[in-house]
């Protein structure tokens, strides 16, 4: 394998996965391509986040003269998986006099507002940084008119 093909391994893997959809309509191939990209990015970033959190806990444990996470998996490497399972089965405590719908929707609305706020940040080509180009269709769309 030559050096020019090693750096293209992920592109070739994606092309191989999309090869199985050769007879499918174009929209199916585009959706599958997008899903492959999404899952690849999620896999990379979630793995890096898990590794960094384990390293942080190990380093803080050594600084405090204790071992840090060492119970789950070899050298505690499965600790983020155990933490995720613990968070999924953890009971959500709602105060007795609280509005249950508001208690559920408040974090979702806060996160959605923060994510949607990224949609108005422009780069030097006047494209939206976060939202796709098909939402920002120049001066014809509301988003384009607000940016002028």
Protein backbone atom coordinates (compact mmCIF):
# COMPACT_ATOMS: atom_id res chain seq x y z
CA UNK A 1 0.00 0.00 0.00
CA UNK A 2 1.54 3.31 -1.03
CA UNK A 3 1.64 6.41 1.11
CA UNK A 4 -0.93 8.26 -1.03
CA UNK A 5 -3.56 5.60 -0.33
CA UNK A 6 -3.00 5.43 3.43
CA UNK A 7 -4.30 8.93 4.00
CA UNK A 8 -7.37 8.13 1.88
CA UNK A 9 -8.38 5.02 3.85
CA UNK A 10 -11.54 6.57 5.29
CA UNK A 11 -12.65 7.90 1.91
CA UNK A 12 -12.10 4.47 0.36
CA UNK A 13 -14.02 2.82 3.20
CA UNK A 14 -16.93 5.20 2.66
CA UNK A 15 -16.88 4.53 -1.09
CA UNK A 16 -16.89 0.79 -0.40
CA UNK A 17 -19.89 1.15 1.93
CA UNK A 18 -21.74 3.27 -0.64
CA UNK A 19 -20.91 0.77 -3.40
CA UNK A 20 -23.59 -1.54 -2.00
CA UNK A 21 -26.18 1.16 -2.73
CA UNK A 22 -25.22 1.53 -6.40
CA UNK A 23 -28.73 0.82 -7.74
CA UNK A 24 -30.54 2.91 -5.13
CA UNK A 25 -32.04 6.35 -5.84
CA UNK A 26 -29.74 9.34 -5.42
CA UNK A 27 -31.47 10.56 -2.27
CA UNK A 28 -30.87 7.21 -0.55
CA UNK A 29 -27.16 7.39 -1.39
CA UNK A 30 -26.99 10.97 -0.10
CA UNK A 31 -28.75 10.08 3.15
CA UNK A 32 -26.49 7.05 3.63
CA UNK A 33 -23.42 9.19 2.90
CA UNK A 34 -24.53 11.76 5.46
CA UNK A 35 -25.22 9.07 8.06
CA UNK A 36 -21.78 7.54 7.50
CA UNK A 37 -20.20 10.97 8.04
CA UNK A 38 -22.28 11.61 11.16
CA UNK A 39 -21.49 8.25 12.75
CA UNK A 40 -17.79 8.54 11.89
CA UNK A 41 -17.55 11.96 13.54
CA UNK A 42 -19.57 10.84 16.54
CA UNK A 43 -17.38 7.77 16.94
CA UNK A 44 -14.15 9.76 16.79
CA UNK A 45 -15.21 12.58 19.07
CA UNK A 46 -16.99 10.39 21.63
CA UNK A 47 -13.96 8.08 21.79
CA UNK A 48 -11.63 11.03 22.29
CA UNK A 49 -13.94 12.47 24.96
CA UNK A 50 -14.00 9.12 26.78
CA UNK A 51 -10.21 8.80 26.62
CA UNK A 52 -9.64 12.35 27.86
CA UNK A 53 -12.08 11.89 30.75
CA UNK A 54 -10.35 8.66 31.82
CA UNK A 55 -6.95 10.34 31.61
CA UNK A 56 -8.20 13.34 33.59
CA UNK A 57 -9.60 11.11 36.34
CA UNK A 58 -6.38 9.06 36.44
CA UNK A 59 -4.21 12.17 36.70
CA UNK A 60 -6.42 13.74 39.36
CA UNK A 61 -6.39 10.46 41.26
CA UNK A 62 -2.59 10.40 41.26
CA UNK A 63 -2.43 14.02 42.34
CA UNK A 64 -4.69 13.18 45.30
CA UNK A 65 -2.64 10.09 46.16
CA UNK A 66 -5.26 7.54 45.12
CA UNK A 67 -5.57 5.20 42.18
CA UNK A 68 -8.34 6.79 40.14
CA UNK A 69 -10.68 4.62 38.05
CA UNK A 70 -9.37 1.06 38.04
CA UNK A 71 -12.40 -1.17 38.59
CA UNK A 72 -14.03 -1.33 35.16
CA UNK A 73 -12.07 -2.96 32.35
CA UNK A 74 -8.31 -3.07 31.95
CA UNK A 75 -6.73 -0.07 33.69
CA UNK A 76 -10.19 1.49 34.10
CA UNK A 77 -10.60 2.16 30.38
CA UNK A 78 -14.28 1.18 30.38
CA UNK A 79 -15.13 3.73 33.08
CA UNK A 80 -16.87 6.12 30.62
CA UNK A 81 -19.15 3.27 29.50
CA UNK A 82 -20.01 2.49 33.12
CA UNK A 83 -20.66 6.20 33.76
CA UNK A 84 -22.97 6.36 30.73
CA UNK A 85 -24.95 3.32 31.88
CA UNK A 86 -25.19 4.82 35.36
CA UNK A 87 -26.55 8.09 33.95
CA UNK A 88 -29.13 6.25 31.80
CA UNK A 89 -30.57 4.28 34.72
CA UNK A 90 -30.32 7.11 37.22
CA UNK A 91 -33.66 8.23 38.58
CA UNK A 92 -34.73 11.74 37.66
CA UNK A 93 -35.99 13.36 40.83
CA UNK A 94 -38.75 15.88 40.17
CA UNK A 95 -39.74 18.03 43.15
CA UNK A 96 -43.30 17.38 44.32
CA UNK A 97 -44.62 20.88 43.61
CA UNK A 98 -42.74 21.33 40.31
CA UNK A 99 -44.42 21.41 36.92
CA UNK A 100 -43.31 18.08 35.39
CA UNK A 101 -43.58 19.26 31.78
CA UNK A 102 -41.48 22.37 32.41
CA UNK A 103 -38.99 20.29 34.40
CA UNK A 104 -38.57 17.99 31.39
CA UNK A 105 -38.57 20.63 28.63
CA UNK A 106 -36.33 23.29 30.24
CA UNK A 107 -32.95 21.65 29.51
CA UNK A 108 -34.05 20.74 25.98
CA UNK A 109 -35.11 24.31 25.22
CA UNK A 110 -31.90 25.76 26.68
CA UNK A 111 -29.73 23.40 24.60
CA UNK A 112 -31.77 24.02 21.44
CA UNK A 113 -31.47 27.79 21.89
CA UNK A 114 -27.71 27.56 22.36
CA UNK A 115 -27.28 25.34 19.29
CA UNK A 116 -29.55 27.47 17.08
CA UNK A 117 -27.65 30.61 18.11
CA UNK A 118 -24.66 29.19 16.25
CA UNK A 119 -26.66 29.44 13.03
CA UNK A 120 -26.26 33.21 12.77
CA UNK A 121 -22.46 33.20 12.96
CA UNK A 122 -21.04 33.83 9.51
CA UNK A 123 -17.70 32.93 8.00
CA UNK A 124 -15.89 35.10 5.48
CA UNK A 125 -17.92 33.72 2.54
CA UNK A 126 -21.17 34.73 4.28
CA UNK A 127 -22.15 31.12 4.81
CA UNK A 128 -23.65 30.02 8.07
CA UNK A 129 -21.08 28.25 10.21
CA UNK A 130 -23.48 25.79 11.78
CA UNK A 131 -26.52 25.55 9.53
CA UNK A 132 -26.33 23.92 6.12
CA UNK A 133 -26.08 25.88 2.89
CA UNK A 134 -29.57 24.79 1.83
CA UNK A 135 -31.08 26.78 4.71
CA UNK A 136 -29.04 29.86 3.84
CA UNK A 137 -29.99 30.41 0.20
CA UNK A 138 -28.70 33.94 -0.17
CA UNK A 139 -30.95 36.97 -0.29
CA UNK A 140 -34.04 34.93 -1.21
CA UNK A 141 -34.41 33.36 2.23
CA UNK A 142 -35.20 34.96 5.56
CA UNK A 143 -31.83 33.90 6.90
CA UNK A 144 -30.11 35.64 3.96
CA UNK A 145 -32.11 38.83 4.43
CA UNK A 146 -31.25 39.01 8.12
CA UNK A 147 -27.54 38.63 7.36
CA UNK A 148 -27.42 41.61 4.97
